Amino acid sequence: MNSRQDPSRVKVTEKDFEHVPVNTSAAPLRPQHHRGADLAGLAALVGAAQSAPASMDAPVRISGVSLDSRAICPGDLYVALPGARVHGAKFAAQAIAAGAVAILTDDAGTRLLGEAPVLPVLTVADARAVTGTAAARVYGSGESPLELFAVTGTNGKTTTTYFLNSLLRALGNTTGLIGTIEILAGEEAIPSKLTTPESTDVHALLAVMAEKGLSAASMEVSSHALAFGRVDAVNFQVAGFTNLTQDHLDLHGGMEGYFETKAALFTPEHARAAVITVDDSWGRRMAAAATVPVVTLSTRPQESTDAPAMWQVRTIRREGVGSRFSLSGPNGVVLEAHTGLPGDFNVANAALALLMVTTRLLAIAEDAGSGVELSVNNVLQRVQGALDRHDPFTVEVPGRMQLVGTAPVAVVDFAHNPDALERALDAVRPTTPGARVIAVFGATGERDATKRPIMGAVVARGADVVIITDDDPHNEDPAVIRAAVLAGARDANTHEGLGRVVEEFDQRAAAIARAVDLATPHDVILVAGRGHEVFQEVKGVNISLDDRVELRAALLAHGFPLTDASKIESTTND
């Protein structure tokens, strides 16, 4: 299965990118104590042809790897890759000046470097394809004792990794996390630019986590991460699948390509075991396509024609804004859990995290050689104890159904595709007679344009007041993007007789303020699409804009009650 994309032919403008200025002067995170690798051994490992200056006869030792010439440290291997516009070999001089001791590139890069390079050059057909392998050797991350958990899918990756992190801690682990919002190495928080960093940084991070004595780590793995090799040479103990709905089709060309890319995670190259949510046909196809041992999970009532999932969510009971639920497994096994986050989709996220950890603990117990029945009982008792004592799925996930105000209920969420929007709107629908949902939303520029009118229609069906505004237009005309979303909203409003109020604002802060102006204490305000993001990219310029800050300010101006500001929200703009 070839899921890798050619980055030189694809313009990557995914929502997974954080539009924050990169401090290229800051030293990259690296382990302090690792053995590195000798250049000759590295060349043999990746099958590279090696050339070196005639004057260089001493062995070369590699202590780090970087794709970014601005982040090179002395002793690094600089990996010069083809880009969408410029080949990385063009920046070799900058890398050499910063201390690079060798260069890994492809045939085109070697030609650009010239016939008399000043450093040793390793040449391979596809440099990106071997970068992860090289980084794993240099940092020794492949020998790490870390228990690694991966989550992929269209929606729910971030929340599920936070749930995993919280449950693993409740079970006594010291944990790391690599995701959209932040990277955590123990208690050290590192700002994240991508859902999954480049493979060089992933392997450095895993080595740092091991060096700090962490015992487990959870990672979001996007389709872009798989397509561009960002998790190459990383093998997860358990990989989890949430769902597959329309998104990123600008990269993958269609749902089939999107599926094939995601499916690459559930192979021996990347995982030892899988937990796959089989609530729809895509999930069932993913379970069938996986070439590692699979545990299936159903979080919705199954059709009589469906093969029953191994584990199923039962008896969801509303409890405050959250839910209490049962997770039933083979032989009458039941785990009782709770999440304080709203919506059935957060029950699904919690169930997936719970089953991923339980699956791994059962595998460890089985490998230990104790009796199967005893192992199962001990694991279930341990997990249930952690659920009861710590309530690990009641944890704030910044920008994911994040509560900012209470009357009106005011929520900021990352929902930026049709399925996520529909679920978010359903989750916040008030039960108080006469209470309305007021939604603020816009579509991202330079992304799958076909979903824009679809999302407009979804918001019109799920909200009483629809306020269309800008998201991150990037280099597109914001008015054109809004027009497509508005067309979908107005078409659904007219042809389905919805009777919605539909308005348009070109300034997102003004749109949020308008939503608060219209609200009564009994209403619900949902600001969707950007979640935790703190900058809006317009024509290459990052404009400071945090939906949570704008919503809080507007609520405060009207005297509406607020929740406490989260740590991330209150410090991100510093």
Protein backbone atom coordinates (compact mmCIF):
# COMPACT_ATOMS: atom_id res chain seq x y z
CA MET A 1 0.00 0.00 0.00
CA ASN A 2 1.60 3.24 -1.12
CA SER A 3 0.10 6.10 0.83
CA ARG A 4 2.97 8.53 0.53
CA GLN A 5 2.31 11.80 -1.29
CA ASP A 6 4.81 13.77 -3.34
CA PRO A 7 5.15 17.05 -1.39
CA SER A 8 6.69 18.80 -4.36
CA ARG A 9 3.39 18.34 -6.22
CA VAL A 10 0.98 19.07 -3.37
CA LYS A 11 0.34 22.43 -1.77
CA VAL A 12 -0.17 21.63 1.90
CA THR A 13 -2.55 24.05 3.56
CA GLU A 14 -4.11 21.72 6.11
CA LYS A 15 -6.07 22.87 9.11
CA ASP A 16 -3.54 20.93 11.19
CA PHE A 17 -1.06 23.78 10.75
CA GLU A 18 -0.90 26.28 13.58
CA HIS A 19 -0.49 29.77 12.17
CA VAL A 20 2.02 30.94 14.75
CA PRO A 21 5.36 32.59 14.08
CA VAL A 22 8.18 30.08 14.26
CA ASN A 23 11.11 31.13 16.42
CA THR A 24 13.87 29.73 14.28
CA SER A 25 16.55 31.13 16.59
CA ALA A 26 15.46 28.84 19.41
CA ALA A 27 17.46 25.63 19.75
CA PRO A 28 15.46 22.57 18.70
CA LEU A 29 14.51 20.09 21.39
CA ARG A 30 17.12 17.34 21.42
CA PRO A 31 18.07 14.55 23.83
CA GLN A 32 21.17 15.39 25.86
CA HIS A 33 22.59 11.89 25.99
CA HIS A 34 22.39 9.75 22.88
CA ARG A 35 25.06 7.90 20.98
CA GLY A 36 24.50 9.39 17.54
CA ALA A 37 25.61 7.46 14.48
CA ASP A 38 28.65 7.17 12.24
CA LEU A 39 28.05 8.42 8.73
CA ALA A 40 29.22 5.25 7.00
CA GLY A 41 26.83 3.11 9.02
CA LEU A 42 24.01 5.54 8.33
CA ALA A 43 24.73 5.44 4.59
CA ALA A 44 24.57 1.65 4.64
CA LEU A 45 21.34 1.69 6.64
CA VAL A 46 19.49 3.91 4.16
CA GLY A 47 21.17 2.50 1.05
CA ALA A 48 22.80 5.77 0.07
CA ALA A 49 25.60 6.43 -2.36
CA GLN A 50 28.25 8.43 -0.52
CA SER A 51 30.58 11.09 -1.86
CA ALA A 52 33.03 13.14 0.18
CA PRO A 53 35.62 15.88 -0.36
CA ALA A 54 39.03 14.46 -1.18
CA SER A 55 40.52 16.26 1.79
CA MET A 56 38.22 14.52 4.27
CA ASP A 57 39.52 11.18 5.51
CA ALA A 58 38.43 11.10 9.18
CA PRO A 59 35.20 9.29 10.12
CA VAL A 60 32.19 11.58 10.46
CA ARG A 61 29.92 11.29 13.49
CA ILE A 62 26.30 12.47 13.24
CA SER A 63 24.72 13.82 16.44
CA GLY A 64 21.42 15.19 15.09
CA VAL A 65 19.17 15.37 12.03
CA SER A 66 17.19 18.31 10.64
CA LEU A 67 15.11 19.13 7.57
CA ASP A 68 15.28 22.84 8.37
CA SER A 69 18.53 24.64 7.57
CA ARG A 70 17.58 27.27 10.18
CA ALA A 71 17.40 24.67 12.95
CA ILE A 72 20.75 22.98 12.30
CA CYS A 73 22.98 22.31 15.31
CA PRO A 74 26.71 21.53 15.10
CA GLY A 75 27.18 17.88 14.19
CA ASP A 76 23.85 17.56 12.33
CA LEU A 77 22.94 15.73 9.17
CA TYR A 78 21.06 18.18 6.96
CA VAL A 79 18.29 16.49 4.98
CA ALA A 80 17.71 18.49 1.79
CA LEU A 81 14.30 17.63 0.36
CA PRO A 82 12.42 18.88 -2.69
CA GLY A 83 9.81 21.46 -1.75
CA ALA A 84 6.76 22.86 -3.47
CA ARG A 85 8.80 25.79 -4.79
CA VAL A 86 12.47 25.39 -3.87
CA HIS A 87 14.69 22.37 -3.28
CA GLY A 88 16.24 22.18 0.18
CA ALA A 89 19.68 21.84 -1.39
CA LYS A 90 19.45 25.55 -2.17
CA PHE A 91 19.87 26.17 1.57
CA ALA A 92 22.89 23.92 2.04
CA ALA A 93 25.25 26.84 2.60
CA GLN A 94 23.12 28.07 5.49
CA ALA A 95 23.08 24.57 6.98
CA ILE A 96 26.85 24.22 6.61
CA ALA A 97 27.44 27.61 8.24
CA ALA A 98 25.31 26.47 11.20
CA GLY A 99 27.42 23.36 11.71
CA ALA A 100 26.03 20.59 9.50
CA VAL A 101 28.66 17.88 8.93
CA ALA A 102 26.91 15.96 6.13
CA ILE A 103 23.97 16.23 3.74
CA LEU A 104 21.34 13.64 2.80
CA THR A 105 19.47 14.39 -0.42
CA ASP A 106 18.15 12.98 -3.69
CA ASP A 107 19.64 13.04 -7.18
CA ALA A 108 18.28 16.52 -7.91
CA GLY A 109 19.73 17.83 -4.66
CA THR A 110 23.12 16.30 -5.37
CA ARG A 111 23.20 18.02 -8.77
CA LEU A 112 22.37 21.34 -7.13
CA LEU A 113 25.21 20.87 -4.64
CA GLY A 114 27.69 20.60 -7.50
CA GLU A 115 30.56 18.28 -8.27
CA ALA A 116 32.84 19.40 -5.44
CA PRO A 117 30.75 19.54 -2.23
CA VAL A 118 32.51 20.76 0.89
CA LEU A 119 30.78 18.09 3.03
CA PRO A 120 30.04 14.39 2.60
CA VAL A 121 26.82 13.86 0.64
CA LEU A 122 24.52 10.83 0.91
CA THR A 123 22.34 10.39 -2.19
CA VAL A 124 19.19 8.27 -2.32
CA ALA A 125 16.25 8.11 -4.72
CA ASP A 126 13.76 9.41 -2.13
CA ALA A 127 15.33 11.26 0.78
CA ARG A 128 12.03 11.77 2.62
CA ALA A 129 11.40 8.02 2.61
CA VAL A 130 14.57 7.32 4.62
CA THR A 131 14.60 10.37 6.89
CA GLY A 132 12.67 8.69 9.70
CA THR A 133 14.98 5.66 9.60
CA ALA A 134 18.03 7.91 9.78
CA ALA A 135 16.62 9.95 12.65
CA ALA A 136 15.65 6.83 14.61
CA ARG A 137 19.23 5.54 14.33
CA VAL A 138 20.83 8.85 15.33
CA TYR A 139 18.57 9.46 18.35
CA GLY A 140 18.13 5.81 19.35
CA SER A 141 14.38 6.30 19.58
CA GLY A 142 13.67 2.86 18.19
CA GLU A 143 15.18 1.37 21.36
CA SER A 144 13.00 3.49 23.66
CA PRO A 145 11.02 1.76 26.44
CA LEU A 146 8.12 4.20 25.88
CA GLU A 147 4.66 2.72 25.45
CA LEU A 148 3.37 4.54 22.35
CA PHE A 149 -0.28 5.15 21.45
CA ALA A 150 -1.41 6.67 18.14
CA VAL A 151 -4.81 8.08 17.20
CA THR A 152 -5.93 8.77 13.65
CA GLY A 153 -9.26 9.61 12.02
CA THR A 154 -10.99 12.74 10.77
CA ASN A 155 -12.51 13.98 14.03
CA GLY A 156 -11.69 13.35 17.67
CA LYS A 157 -7.93 12.80 17.47
CA THR A 158 -6.99 15.61 19.82
CA THR A 159 -9.57 14.86 22.47
CA THR A 160 -8.82 11.13 22.37
CA THR A 161 -5.09 11.76 22.91
CA TYR A 162 -5.87 14.02 25.87
CA PHE A 163 -8.12 11.28 27.25
CA LEU A 164 -5.36 8.72 26.72
CA ASN A 165 -2.85 10.96 28.45
CA SER A 166 -5.18 11.47 31.39
CA LEU A 167 -6.05 7.77 31.80
CA LEU A 168 -2.42 6.71 31.52
CA ARG A 169 -1.53 9.17 34.27
CA ALA A 170 -4.40 7.90 36.40
CA LEU A 171 -2.84 4.44 36.06
CA GLY A 172 0.47 5.74 37.40
CA ASN A 173 2.38 6.46 34.20
CA THR A 174 4.50 9.49 33.49
CA THR A 175 3.38 10.61 30.08
CA GLY A 176 4.15 12.58 26.96
CA LEU A 177 1.82 13.93 24.30
CA ILE A 178 2.36 15.05 20.70
CA GLY A 179 -0.58 16.82 19.14
CA THR A 180 -2.25 19.80 17.55
CA ILE A 181 -2.41 22.03 20.58
CA GLU A 182 0.79 21.29 22.39
CA ILE A 183 3.61 18.84 22.84
CA LEU A 184 4.20 17.64 26.39
CA ALA A 185 7.38 15.95 27.54
CA GLY A 186 6.41 15.27 31.13
CA GLU A 187 5.56 18.68 32.57
CA GLU A 188 7.45 20.57 29.85
CA ALA A 189 5.11 22.12 27.27
CA ILE A 190 6.40 22.81 23.78
CA PRO A 191 4.31 24.80 21.24
CA SER A 192 3.15 22.65 18.33
CA LYS A 193 3.18 23.84 14.70
CA LEU A 194 1.78 20.67 13.12
CA THR A 195 -0.56 17.92 14.24
CA THR A 196 2.47 15.66 13.94
CA PRO A 197 5.94 17.26 13.65
CA GLU A 198 8.40 16.20 10.97
CA SER A 199 9.96 12.77 11.45
CA THR A 200 13.28 14.26 12.55
CA ASP A 201 11.53 16.11 15.38
CA VAL A 202 9.30 13.15 16.28
CA HIS A 203 12.30 10.91 16.87
CA ALA A 204 14.11 13.63 18.83
CA LEU A 205 11.00 14.15 20.97
CA LEU A 206 10.62 10.44 21.67
CA ALA A 207 14.27 10.27 22.69
CA VAL A 208 13.79 13.28 24.99
CA MET A 209 10.76 11.65 26.58
CA ALA A 210 12.68 8.44 27.20
CA GLU A 211 15.60 10.42 28.59
CA LYS A 212 13.23 12.13 31.03
CA GLY A 213 12.08 8.73 32.26
CA LEU A 214 8.57 8.92 30.85
CA SER A 215 6.78 5.61 30.50
CA ALA A 216 4.09 6.32 27.87
CA ALA A 217 3.21 8.81 25.15
CA SER A 218 0.16 9.54 22.99
CA MET A 219 0.34 11.01 19.50
CA GLU A 220 -2.13 12.39 16.98
CA VAL A 221 -1.34 10.97 13.55
CA SER A 222 -2.98 12.90 10.73
CA SER A 223 -3.28 11.76 7.14
CA HIS A 224 -0.67 14.38 6.28
CA ALA A 225 1.70 12.80 8.80
CA LEU A 226 1.30 9.44 7.09
CA ALA A 227 1.45 10.87 3.58
CA PHE A 228 4.63 12.83 4.25
CA GLY A 229 6.42 10.21 6.33
CA ARG A 230 6.33 12.07 9.64
CA VAL A 231 5.89 8.85 11.63
CA ASP A 232 8.27 6.74 9.54
CA ALA A 233 10.28 4.32 11.71
CA VAL A 234 7.89 4.84 14.65
CA ASN A 235 6.08 1.71 15.83
CA PHE A 236 3.13 2.17 18.18
CA GLN A 237 2.01 -0.41 20.70
CA VAL A 238 -1.63 0.46 19.91
CA ALA A 239 -3.08 2.59 17.09
CA GLY A 240 -6.67 3.81 17.37
CA PHE A 241 -9.17 4.91 14.70
CA THR A 242 -11.99 7.38 15.39
CA ASN A 243 -13.91 7.89 12.12
CA LEU A 244 -13.55 8.96 8.51
CA THR A 245 -15.58 11.83 7.04
CA GLN A 246 -14.98 14.39 4.30
CA ASP A 247 -11.82 16.40 4.90
CA HIS A 248 -8.41 16.93 3.29
CA LEU A 249 -9.68 15.87 -0.12
CA ASP A 250 -7.53 18.62 -1.64
CA LEU A 251 -4.53 16.48 -0.68
CA HIS A 252 -5.87 12.96 -1.19
CA GLY A 253 -8.05 13.49 -4.25
CA GLY A 254 -11.08 11.71 -2.82
CA MET A 255 -12.33 9.55 0.02
CA GLU A 256 -10.66 6.42 -1.33
CA GLY A 257 -7.25 8.07 -1.30
CA TYR A 258 -7.95 9.48 2.16
CA PHE A 259 -8.89 6.00 3.41
CA GLU A 260 -5.81 4.34 1.91
CA THR A 261 -3.54 6.89 3.58
CA LYS A 262 -5.14 6.37 7.00
CA ALA A 263 -5.03 2.59 6.58
CA ALA A 264 -1.22 2.70 6.39
CA LEU A 265 -1.16 3.23 10.18
CA PHE A 266 -2.72 -0.18 10.80
CA THR A 267 0.14 -2.19 9.36
CA PRO A 268 3.14 -3.85 11.07
CA GLU A 269 5.32 -0.99 9.84
CA HIS A 270 3.56 1.37 12.23
CA ALA A 271 1.62 -0.57 14.89
CA ARG A 272 1.51 -3.79 16.86
CA ALA A 273 -2.24 -3.74 17.51
CA ALA A 274 -5.27 -1.66 16.54
CA VAL A 275 -8.50 -0.52 18.16
CA ILE A 276 -10.90 0.55 15.42
CA THR A 277 -14.27 2.24 15.82
CA VAL A 278 -16.68 0.48 13.45
CA ASP A 279 -19.70 2.77 13.69
CA ASP A 280 -19.93 3.11 9.91
CA SER A 281 -18.80 1.46 6.70
CA TRP A 282 -15.43 3.24 6.69
CA GLY A 283 -14.62 1.90 10.13
CA ARG A 284 -15.64 -1.62 9.14
CA ARG A 285 -13.49 -1.35 6.01
CA MET A 286 -10.57 -0.13 8.13
CA ALA A 287 -10.89 -3.09 10.47
CA ALA A 288 -10.96 -5.46 7.50
CA ALA A 289 -7.97 -3.78 5.82
CA ALA A 290 -5.74 -3.74 8.91
CA THR A 291 -2.86 -6.22 8.86
CA VAL A 292 -2.25 -6.16 12.63
CA PRO A 293 -4.44 -7.69 15.37
CA VAL A 294 -7.65 -5.66 15.61
CA VAL A 295 -10.07 -4.98 18.47
CA THR A 296 -13.33 -3.48 17.22
CA LEU A 297 -15.43 -0.88 19.04
CA SER A 298 -19.00 0.24 18.45
CA THR A 299 -20.24 3.41 20.10
CA ARG A 300 -23.65 3.53 18.39
CA PRO A 301 -26.52 1.04 18.05
CA GLN A 302 -25.53 -1.47 15.40
CA GLU A 303 -27.65 -2.66 12.50
CA SER A 304 -28.80 -6.25 12.67
CA THR A 305 -26.82 -6.97 9.51
CA ASP A 306 -23.54 -5.74 11.02
CA ALA A 307 -21.00 -8.16 12.45
CA PRO A 308 -21.04 -7.37 16.19
CA ALA A 309 -18.13 -5.36 17.51
CA MET A 310 -15.96 -6.96 20.18
CA TRP A 311 -16.63 -4.06 22.55
CA GLN A 312 -19.73 -1.89 22.59
CA VAL A 313 -20.81 1.29 24.36
CA ARG A 314 -24.03 0.71 26.28
CA THR A 315 -26.48 2.71 28.39
CA ILE A 316 -25.32 6.28 27.84
CA ARG A 317 -26.82 8.41 30.60
CA ARG A 318 -26.65 12.19 30.65
CA GLU A 319 -25.00 13.58 33.77
CA GLY A 320 -24.75 17.36 33.84
CA VAL A 321 -23.22 18.48 30.56
CA GLY A 322 -21.39 15.16 30.27
CA SER A 323 -22.32 11.49 30.18
CA ARG A 324 -21.90 8.25 32.07
CA PHE A 325 -21.65 5.09 30.00
CA SER A 326 -20.85 1.40 30.08
CA LEU A 327 -18.29 -0.31 27.85
CA SER A 328 -19.19 -3.97 27.40
CA GLY A 329 -16.69 -6.54 26.16
CA PRO A 330 -16.37 -10.28 25.62
CA ASN A 331 -17.66 -12.77 28.20
CA GLY A 332 -19.84 -10.22 29.97
CA VAL A 333 -16.98 -7.87 30.86
CA VAL A 334 -18.17 -4.32 31.68
CA LEU A 335 -16.31 -1.10 32.46
CA GLU A 336 -18.19 1.91 33.82
CA ALA A 337 -16.89 5.32 32.76
CA HIS A 338 -17.79 9.01 32.75
CA THR A 339 -16.85 12.06 30.72
CA GLY A 340 -17.59 15.62 31.71
CA LEU A 341 -17.38 16.79 28.09
CA PRO A 342 -20.67 17.18 26.17
CA GLY A 343 -21.88 15.13 23.22
CA ASP A 344 -22.07 11.50 22.21
CA PHE A 345 -18.90 12.00 20.16
CA ASN A 346 -16.99 12.59 23.39
CA VAL A 347 -18.39 9.33 24.72
CA ALA A 348 -16.95 7.74 21.57
CA ASN A 349 -13.60 9.45 22.14
CA ALA A 350 -13.51 8.33 25.78
CA ALA A 351 -14.48 4.76 24.89
CA LEU A 352 -11.72 4.57 22.28
CA ALA A 353 -9.09 5.84 24.73
CA LEU A 354 -10.34 3.45 27.41
CA LEU A 355 -10.24 0.44 25.09
CA MET A 356 -6.81 1.32 23.67
CA VAL A 357 -5.27 1.37 27.15
CA THR A 358 -7.17 -1.73 28.27
CA THR A 359 -6.08 -3.61 25.15
CA ARG A 360 -2.45 -2.79 25.81
CA LEU A 361 -2.63 -3.77 29.49
CA LEU A 362 -4.26 -7.08 28.58
CA ALA A 363 -1.48 -7.75 26.07
CA ILE A 364 1.19 -6.98 28.68
CA ALA A 365 -0.51 -9.29 31.16
CA GLU A 366 -0.73 -12.06 28.57
CA ASP A 367 2.95 -11.65 27.69
CA ALA A 368 3.79 -11.95 31.40
CA GLY A 369 2.46 -15.51 31.28
CA SER A 370 -0.10 -15.35 34.08
CA GLY A 371 -3.43 -17.17 33.72
CA VAL A 372 -5.76 -15.60 31.17
CA GLU A 373 -8.72 -15.29 33.54
CA LEU A 374 -6.57 -13.85 36.32
CA SER A 375 -4.94 -11.42 33.90
CA VAL A 376 -8.24 -10.12 32.60
CA ASN A 377 -9.68 -9.68 36.10
CA ASN A 378 -6.60 -7.89 37.39
CA VAL A 379 -6.45 -5.54 34.42
CA LEU A 380 -10.15 -4.71 34.57
CA GLN A 381 -10.01 -4.06 38.31
CA ARG A 382 -7.00 -1.80 37.86
CA VAL A 383 -8.60 0.16 35.04
CA GLN A 384 -11.96 0.48 36.82
CA GLY A 385 -10.19 1.70 39.93
CA ALA A 386 -8.45 4.44 37.94
CA LEU A 387 -11.77 5.46 36.34
CA ASP A 388 -13.51 5.62 39.72
CA ARG A 389 -10.77 7.47 41.59
CA HIS A 390 -9.64 10.00 38.97
CA ASP A 391 -12.49 10.55 36.46
CA PRO A 392 -9.81 10.87 33.75
CA PHE A 393 -12.18 11.75 30.91
CA THR A 394 -13.29 14.94 32.61
CA VAL A 395 -10.36 17.00 31.43
CA GLU A 396 -10.39 20.32 29.59
CA VAL A 397 -9.20 20.04 26.02
CA PRO A 398 -8.42 23.59 24.82
CA GLY A 399 -10.58 24.61 21.88
CA ARG A 400 -12.54 21.35 21.89
CA MET A 401 -16.06 21.99 23.21
CA GLN A 402 -14.40 24.48 25.55
CA LEU A 403 -16.87 26.26 27.81
CA VAL A 404 -16.25 30.02 28.02
CA GLY A 405 -19.57 31.31 29.43
CA THR A 406 -22.46 29.74 31.31
CA ALA A 407 -25.53 31.95 30.73
CA PRO A 408 -25.69 32.00 27.80
CA VAL A 409 -23.74 28.78 27.44
CA ALA A 410 -20.85 29.85 25.21
CA VAL A 411 -18.64 27.21 23.61
CA VAL A 412 -15.59 27.31 21.33
CA ASP A 413 -14.90 24.22 19.22
CA PHE A 414 -12.51 23.18 16.45
CA ALA A 415 -15.25 21.65 14.26
CA HIS A 416 -14.26 22.55 10.69
CA ASN A 417 -15.82 19.83 8.52
CA PRO A 418 -19.43 18.78 7.98
CA ASP A 419 -19.50 15.78 10.32
CA ALA A 420 -17.78 17.58 13.20
CA LEU A 421 -20.08 20.58 12.81
CA GLU A 422 -23.20 18.44 12.86
CA ARG A 423 -22.04 16.65 16.00
CA ALA A 424 -21.05 19.87 17.75
CA LEU A 425 -24.38 21.54 16.98
CA ASP A 426 -26.27 18.50 18.19
CA ALA A 427 -24.21 18.42 21.39
CA VAL A 428 -25.01 22.04 22.34
CA ARG A 429 -28.72 21.98 21.44
CA PRO A 430 -30.50 23.36 24.57
CA THR A 431 -33.50 21.62 26.12
CA THR A 432 -35.01 24.82 27.54
CA PRO A 433 -38.13 25.76 25.52
CA GLY A 434 -37.48 28.81 23.35
CA ALA A 435 -33.70 28.69 23.80
CA ARG A 436 -31.74 29.14 20.57
CA VAL A 437 -28.40 28.02 19.15
CA ILE A 438 -26.40 30.93 17.71
CA ALA A 439 -23.51 29.69 15.56
CA VAL A 440 -20.47 31.62 14.31
CA PHE A 441 -18.57 29.84 11.58
CA GLY A 442 -16.44 30.20 8.45
CA ALA A 443 -14.46 27.95 6.12
CA THR A 444 -10.70 27.78 5.70
CA GLY A 445 -9.05 29.02 2.52
CA GLU A 446 -6.93 26.88 0.20
CA ARG A 447 -8.68 23.74 1.41
CA ASP A 448 -11.30 21.42 -0.01
CA ALA A 449 -13.75 23.96 -1.48
CA THR A 450 -16.45 21.35 -2.10
CA LYS A 451 -17.29 21.12 1.58
CA ARG A 452 -18.00 24.86 2.00
CA PRO A 453 -21.67 24.89 0.92
CA ILE A 454 -22.15 21.55 2.67
CA MET A 455 -20.98 23.09 5.95
CA GLY A 456 -23.20 26.11 5.38
CA ALA A 457 -26.21 23.81 5.06
CA VAL A 458 -25.19 21.83 8.16
CA VAL A 459 -25.01 25.01 10.26
CA ALA A 460 -28.36 26.22 8.92
CA ARG A 461 -30.00 22.95 9.91
CA GLY A 462 -28.42 22.88 13.37
CA ALA A 463 -28.50 26.53 14.48
CA ASP A 464 -31.32 29.04 14.84
CA VAL A 465 -29.05 32.01 14.07
CA VAL A 466 -26.23 31.54 11.56
CA ILE A 467 -23.41 34.09 11.43
CA ILE A 468 -20.98 33.41 8.59
CA THR A 469 -17.54 34.97 8.86
CA ASP A 470 -13.88 34.33 8.00
CA ASP A 471 -11.75 31.47 9.29
CA ASP A 472 -8.17 31.41 7.97
CA PRO A 473 -8.48 32.60 4.36
CA HIS A 474 -4.75 32.20 3.70
CA ASN A 475 -4.19 33.61 0.20
CA GLU A 476 -7.78 33.24 -1.01
CA ASP A 477 -10.29 36.07 -1.28
CA PRO A 478 -12.26 35.86 2.00
CA ALA A 479 -15.43 37.13 0.32
CA VAL A 480 -15.36 34.23 -2.15
CA ILE A 481 -15.05 31.71 0.69
CA ARG A 482 -17.89 33.31 2.65
CA ALA A 483 -20.08 33.38 -0.45
CA ALA A 484 -19.76 29.61 -0.88
CA VAL A 485 -20.66 28.94 2.77
CA LEU A 486 -23.53 31.44 2.61
CA ALA A 487 -24.87 29.82 -0.55
CA GLY A 488 -25.16 26.49 1.24
CA ALA A 489 -26.78 28.03 4.31
CA ARG A 490 -29.28 30.10 2.37
CA ASP A 491 -30.16 27.27 0.01
CA ALA A 492 -30.95 24.92 2.91
CA ASN A 493 -32.81 27.70 4.73
CA THR A 494 -35.00 28.41 1.72
CA HIS A 495 -35.65 24.97 0.29
CA GLU A 496 -36.06 23.22 3.62
CA GLY A 497 -38.18 25.98 5.16
CA LEU A 498 -35.91 26.30 8.19
CA GLY A 499 -36.72 29.91 9.03
CA ARG A 500 -33.17 30.68 10.21
CA VAL A 501 -31.58 34.08 10.63
CA VAL A 502 -28.48 34.17 8.40
CA GLU A 503 -25.98 37.02 8.64
CA GLU A 504 -22.50 37.73 7.27
CA PHE A 505 -19.54 39.55 8.87
CA ASP A 506 -16.12 39.93 7.30
CA GLN A 507 -14.42 40.43 10.67
CA ARG A 508 -14.50 37.37 12.92
CA ALA A 509 -14.27 39.37 16.16
CA ALA A 510 -17.27 41.44 15.05
CA ALA A 511 -19.17 38.26 14.22
CA ILE A 512 -18.51 36.89 17.72
CA ALA A 513 -19.60 40.18 19.27
CA ARG A 514 -22.78 40.09 17.17
CA ALA A 515 -23.59 36.59 18.44
CA VAL A 516 -23.33 37.81 22.03
CA ASP A 517 -25.42 40.90 21.21
CA LEU A 518 -28.22 38.61 20.01
CA ALA A 519 -28.04 36.13 22.88
CA THR A 520 -30.20 35.82 25.96
CA PRO A 521 -29.05 33.97 29.09
CA HIS A 522 -31.04 30.90 27.97
CA ASP A 523 -29.38 30.63 24.53
CA VAL A 524 -26.26 28.73 23.43
CA ILE A 525 -23.44 30.32 21.42
CA LEU A 526 -21.18 28.03 19.42
CA VAL A 527 -18.07 29.54 17.82
CA ALA A 528 -16.73 26.82 15.56
CA GLY A 529 -13.84 26.18 13.21
CA ARG A 530 -10.70 27.54 14.86
CA GLY A 531 -10.78 26.13 18.39
CA HIS A 532 -7.46 26.71 20.13
CA GLU A 533 -5.85 28.72 17.33
CA VAL A 534 -4.55 32.15 18.29
CA PHE A 535 -3.59 33.60 14.91
CA GLN A 536 -5.62 34.12 11.75
CA GLU A 537 -3.60 33.91 8.54
CA VAL A 538 -4.59 36.49 5.92
CA LYS A 539 -2.42 36.96 2.81
CA GLY A 540 0.63 35.53 4.56
CA VAL A 541 0.19 37.71 7.66
CA ASN A 542 -0.58 36.19 11.06
CA ILE A 543 -3.16 38.35 12.81
CA SER A 544 -3.62 37.80 16.53
CA LEU A 545 -7.10 36.31 17.02
CA ASP A 546 -8.27 33.85 19.68
CA ASP A 547 -11.98 32.97 19.54
CA ARG A 548 -11.98 32.27 23.28
CA VAL A 549 -10.54 35.68 24.11
CA GLU A 550 -12.97 37.49 21.78
CA LEU A 551 -15.94 35.53 23.13
CA ARG A 552 -14.92 36.13 26.72
CA ALA A 553 -14.52 39.87 26.11
CA ALA A 554 -17.93 40.15 24.45
CA LEU A 555 -19.64 38.19 27.24
CA LEU A 556 -17.93 40.33 29.87
CA ALA A 557 -19.07 43.53 28.12
CA HIS A 558 -22.68 42.33 28.45
CA GLY A 559 -22.28 41.27 32.07
CA PHE A 560 -22.77 37.57 31.30
CA PRO A 561 -21.10 35.05 33.66
CA LEU A 562 -17.81 33.49 32.59
CA THR A 563 -15.87 30.33 33.33
CA ASP A 564 -12.29 30.55 34.60
CA ALA A 565 -9.77 31.20 31.83
CA SER A 566 -7.74 28.10 31.02
CA LYS A 567 -3.97 28.08 31.37
CA ILE A 568 -3.42 27.69 27.62
CA GLU A 569 -5.95 30.34 26.69
CA SER A 570 -4.52 32.86 29.12
CA THR A 571 -0.90 32.37 28.06
CA THR A 572 -0.95 31.57 24.35
CA ASN A 573 -0.84 35.19 23.24
CA ASP A 574 2.10 36.10 25.43
